[in-house]
Amino acid sequence: MRIFRWLVRLCSLLFLGFQLASFAGEPWSAMLSTPDTINLVVWGFILIGMVLAWKSEGGGGFVIIAGFIIQVAFQPGVLTMWTMWIAPAIGGLFVISWAMSEGQWSR
């Protein structure tokens, strides 16, 4: 159980590091369009869920998954991009880890 929890945390740390490197390497251009602004806000919501999940696995996992659902509602095309499924997969693993620690799946 403890190993699983730390593996999920490591995945979230790698994901956050990659996102930070991508964001830092992207030059700022002109004003963002409304859809881009919405995507950026929702992606920030997902990243906050990644950080929150270190303290509250269930809460953070559900925030990540909710952020993905909101993103799909605004831009259904993300369902066809496999890389967009990494964040909700990590969120799902956090929820599983939380359920295991709460004794939901102890048997």
C-alpha atoms as a PDB file:
ATOM      1  CA  MET A   1       0.000   0.000   0.000  1.00  0.00           C
ATOM      2  CA  ARG A   2       2.723   2.432   0.998  1.00  0.00           C
ATOM      3  CA  ILE A   3       4.751   1.650  -2.136  1.00  0.00           C
ATOM      4  CA  PHE A   4       1.695   2.238  -4.334  1.00  0.00           C
ATOM      5  CA  ARG A   5       1.069   5.607  -2.674  1.00  0.00           C
ATOM      6  CA  TRP A   6       4.641   6.744  -3.286  1.00  0.00           C
ATOM      7  CA  LEU A   7       4.614   5.517  -6.883  1.00  0.00           C
ATOM      8  CA  VAL A   8       1.497   7.604  -7.546  1.00  0.00           C
ATOM      9  CA  ARG A   9       3.124  10.601  -5.868  1.00  0.00           C
ATOM     10  CA  LEU A  10       6.235  10.108  -8.003  1.00  0.00           C
ATOM     11  CA  CYS A  11       4.054  10.057 -11.132  1.00  0.00           C
ATOM     12  CA  SER A  12       2.419  13.323 -10.067  1.00  0.00           C
ATOM     13  CA  LEU A  13       5.805  14.886  -9.338  1.00  0.00           C
ATOM     14  CA  LEU A  14       7.108  13.915 -12.784  1.00  0.00           C
ATOM     15  CA  PHE A  15       3.922  15.265 -14.365  1.00  0.00           C
ATOM     16  CA  LEU A  16       4.210  18.567 -12.476  1.00  0.00           C
ATOM     17  CA  GLY A  17       7.884  18.865 -13.415  1.00  0.00           C
ATOM     18  CA  PHE A  18       7.127  18.283 -17.076  1.00  0.00           C
ATOM     19  CA  GLN A  19       4.305  20.832 -17.008  1.00  0.00           C
ATOM     20  CA  LEU A  20       6.520  23.406 -15.306  1.00  0.00           C
ATOM     21  CA  ALA A  21       9.269  22.869 -17.898  1.00  0.00           C
ATOM     22  CA  SER A  22       6.739  23.165 -20.724  1.00  0.00           C
ATOM     23  CA  PHE A  23       5.198  26.309 -19.269  1.00  0.00           C
ATOM     24  CA  ALA A  24       8.566  27.956 -18.572  1.00  0.00           C
ATOM     25  CA  GLY A  25       9.794  27.207 -22.082  1.00  0.00           C
ATOM     26  CA  GLU A  26       6.754  28.686 -23.804  1.00  0.00           C
ATOM     27  CA  PRO A  27       7.265  32.343 -24.743  1.00  0.00           C
ATOM     28  CA  TRP A  28       4.419  34.741 -24.000  1.00  0.00           C
ATOM     29  CA  SER A  29       2.796  36.139 -27.067  1.00  0.00           C
ATOM     30  CA  ALA A  30      -0.176  38.388 -27.622  1.00  0.00           C
ATOM     31  CA  MET A  31      -3.399  38.208 -25.658  1.00  0.00           C
ATOM     32  CA  LEU A  32      -4.854  34.708 -25.334  1.00  0.00           C
ATOM     33  CA  SER A  33      -8.167  33.882 -26.950  1.00  0.00           C
ATOM     34  CA  THR A  34     -11.104  32.976 -24.733  1.00  0.00           C
ATOM     35  CA  PRO A  35     -10.876  29.190 -25.382  1.00  0.00           C
ATOM     36  CA  ASP A  36      -7.140  29.262 -24.625  1.00  0.00           C
ATOM     37  CA  THR A  37      -7.769  31.189 -21.417  1.00  0.00           C
ATOM     38  CA  ILE A  38     -10.404  28.664 -20.332  1.00  0.00           C
ATOM     39  CA  ASN A  39      -8.044  25.768 -21.100  1.00  0.00           C
ATOM     40  CA  LEU A  40      -5.261  27.425 -19.116  1.00  0.00           C
ATOM     41  CA  VAL A  41      -7.537  27.992 -16.110  1.00  0.00           C
ATOM     42  CA  VAL A  42      -8.823  24.411 -16.214  1.00  0.00           C
ATOM     43  CA  TRP A  43      -5.279  23.080 -16.564  1.00  0.00           C
ATOM     44  CA  GLY A  44      -4.323  25.136 -13.495  1.00  0.00           C
ATOM     45  CA  PHE A  45      -7.238  23.492 -11.674  1.00  0.00           C
ATOM     46  CA  ILE A  46      -5.814  20.071 -12.604  1.00  0.00           C
ATOM     47  CA  LEU A  47      -2.319  21.051 -11.429  1.00  0.00           C
ATOM     48  CA  ILE A  48      -3.726  22.308  -8.114  1.00  0.00           C
ATOM     49  CA  GLY A  49      -5.383  18.895  -7.759  1.00  0.00           C
ATOM     50  CA  MET A  50      -1.979  17.242  -8.259  1.00  0.00           C
ATOM     51  CA  VAL A  51      -0.518  19.286  -5.407  1.00  0.00           C
ATOM     52  CA  LEU A  52      -3.603  18.849  -3.201  1.00  0.00           C
ATOM     53  CA  ALA A  53      -3.458  15.074  -3.670  1.00  0.00           C
ATOM     54  CA  TRP A  54      -0.211  14.918  -1.713  1.00  0.00           C
ATOM     55  CA  LYS A  55      -2.133  16.053   1.372  1.00  0.00           C
ATOM     56  CA  SER A  56      -5.579  14.625   0.599  1.00  0.00           C
ATOM     57  CA  GLU A  57      -5.398  11.801  -1.927  1.00  0.00           C
ATOM     58  CA  GLY A  58      -9.126  11.455  -2.424  1.00  0.00           C
ATOM     59  CA  GLY A  59      -9.821  15.172  -2.641  1.00  0.00           C
ATOM     60  CA  GLY A  60      -6.928  15.856  -4.990  1.00  0.00           C
ATOM     61  CA  GLY A  61      -7.775  12.873  -7.174  1.00  0.00           C
ATOM     62  CA  PHE A  62     -11.367  14.015  -7.531  1.00  0.00           C
ATOM     63  CA  VAL A  63     -10.237  17.586  -8.332  1.00  0.00           C
ATOM     64  CA  ILE A  64      -7.982  16.235 -11.101  1.00  0.00           C
ATOM     65  CA  ILE A  65     -10.781  14.123 -12.566  1.00  0.00           C
ATOM     66  CA  ALA A  66     -13.280  17.001 -12.284  1.00  0.00           C
ATOM     67  CA  GLY A  67     -10.833  19.285 -14.083  1.00  0.00           C
ATOM     68  CA  PHE A  68     -10.520  16.767 -16.896  1.00  0.00           C
ATOM     69  CA  ILE A  69     -14.304  16.492 -17.191  1.00  0.00           C
ATOM     70  CA  ILE A  70     -14.578  20.295 -17.369  1.00  0.00           C
ATOM     71  CA  GLN A  71     -11.884  20.373 -20.041  1.00  0.00           C
ATOM     72  CA  VAL A  72     -13.743  17.747 -22.087  1.00  0.00           C
ATOM     73  CA  ALA A  73     -16.961  19.754 -21.736  1.00  0.00           C
ATOM     74  CA  PHE A  74     -15.275  22.808 -23.265  1.00  0.00           C
ATOM     75  CA  GLN A  75     -13.117  20.947 -25.772  1.00  0.00           C
ATOM     76  CA  PRO A  76     -14.311  17.403 -26.615  1.00  0.00           C
ATOM     77  CA  GLY A  77     -11.389  16.914 -28.995  1.00  0.00           C
ATOM     78  CA  VAL A  78      -9.062  16.250 -26.052  1.00  0.00           C
ATOM     79  CA  LEU A  79     -10.573  12.770 -25.780  1.00  0.00           C
ATOM     80  CA  THR A  80      -8.690  11.753 -28.922  1.00  0.00           C
ATOM     81  CA  MET A  81      -5.276  12.833 -27.571  1.00  0.00           C
ATOM     82  CA  TRP A  82      -3.701  10.088 -25.464  1.00  0.00           C
ATOM     83  CA  THR A  83      -1.431  12.549 -23.645  1.00  0.00           C
ATOM     84  CA  MET A  84      -4.457  14.316 -22.200  1.00  0.00           C
ATOM     85  CA  TRP A  85      -5.424  11.087 -20.406  1.00  0.00           C
ATOM     86  CA  ILE A  86      -2.255  11.098 -18.248  1.00  0.00           C
ATOM     87  CA  ALA A  87      -3.620  13.579 -15.674  1.00  0.00           C
ATOM     88  CA  PRO A  88      -6.957  11.805 -15.076  1.00  0.00           C
ATOM     89  CA  ALA A  89      -5.115   8.474 -14.911  1.00  0.00           C
ATOM     90  CA  ILE A  90      -2.944   9.856 -12.118  1.00  0.00           C
ATOM     91  CA  GLY A  91      -6.088  11.289 -10.490  1.00  0.00           C
ATOM     92  CA  GLY A  92      -7.721   7.865 -10.668  1.00  0.00           C
ATOM     93  CA  LEU A  93      -4.652   6.283  -9.078  1.00  0.00           C
ATOM     94  CA  PHE A  94      -4.839   8.830  -6.249  1.00  0.00           C
ATOM     95  CA  VAL A  95      -8.501   7.917  -5.702  1.00  0.00           C
ATOM     96  CA  ILE A  96      -7.599   4.205  -5.666  1.00  0.00           C
ATOM     97  CA  SER A  97      -4.794   4.884  -3.182  1.00  0.00           C
ATOM     98  CA  TRP A  98      -7.206   6.841  -0.988  1.00  0.00           C
ATOM     99  CA  ALA A  99      -9.796   4.048  -1.137  1.00  0.00           C
ATOM    100  CA  MET A 100      -7.155   1.470  -0.227  1.00  0.00           C
ATOM    101  CA  SER A 101      -5.958   3.532   2.739  1.00  0.00           C
ATOM    102  CA  GLU A 102      -9.537   4.014   3.957  1.00  0.00           C
ATOM    103  CA  GLY A 103     -10.030   0.252   4.000  1.00  0.00           C
ATOM    104  CA  GLN A 104     -12.512   0.246   1.131  1.00  0.00           C
ATOM    105  CA  TRP A 105     -10.573  -2.447  -0.749  1.00  0.00           C
ATOM    106  CA  SER A 106      -8.831  -4.230   2.093  1.00  0.00           C
ATOM    107  CA  ARG A 107     -10.245  -7.628   1.128  1.00  0.00           C
END
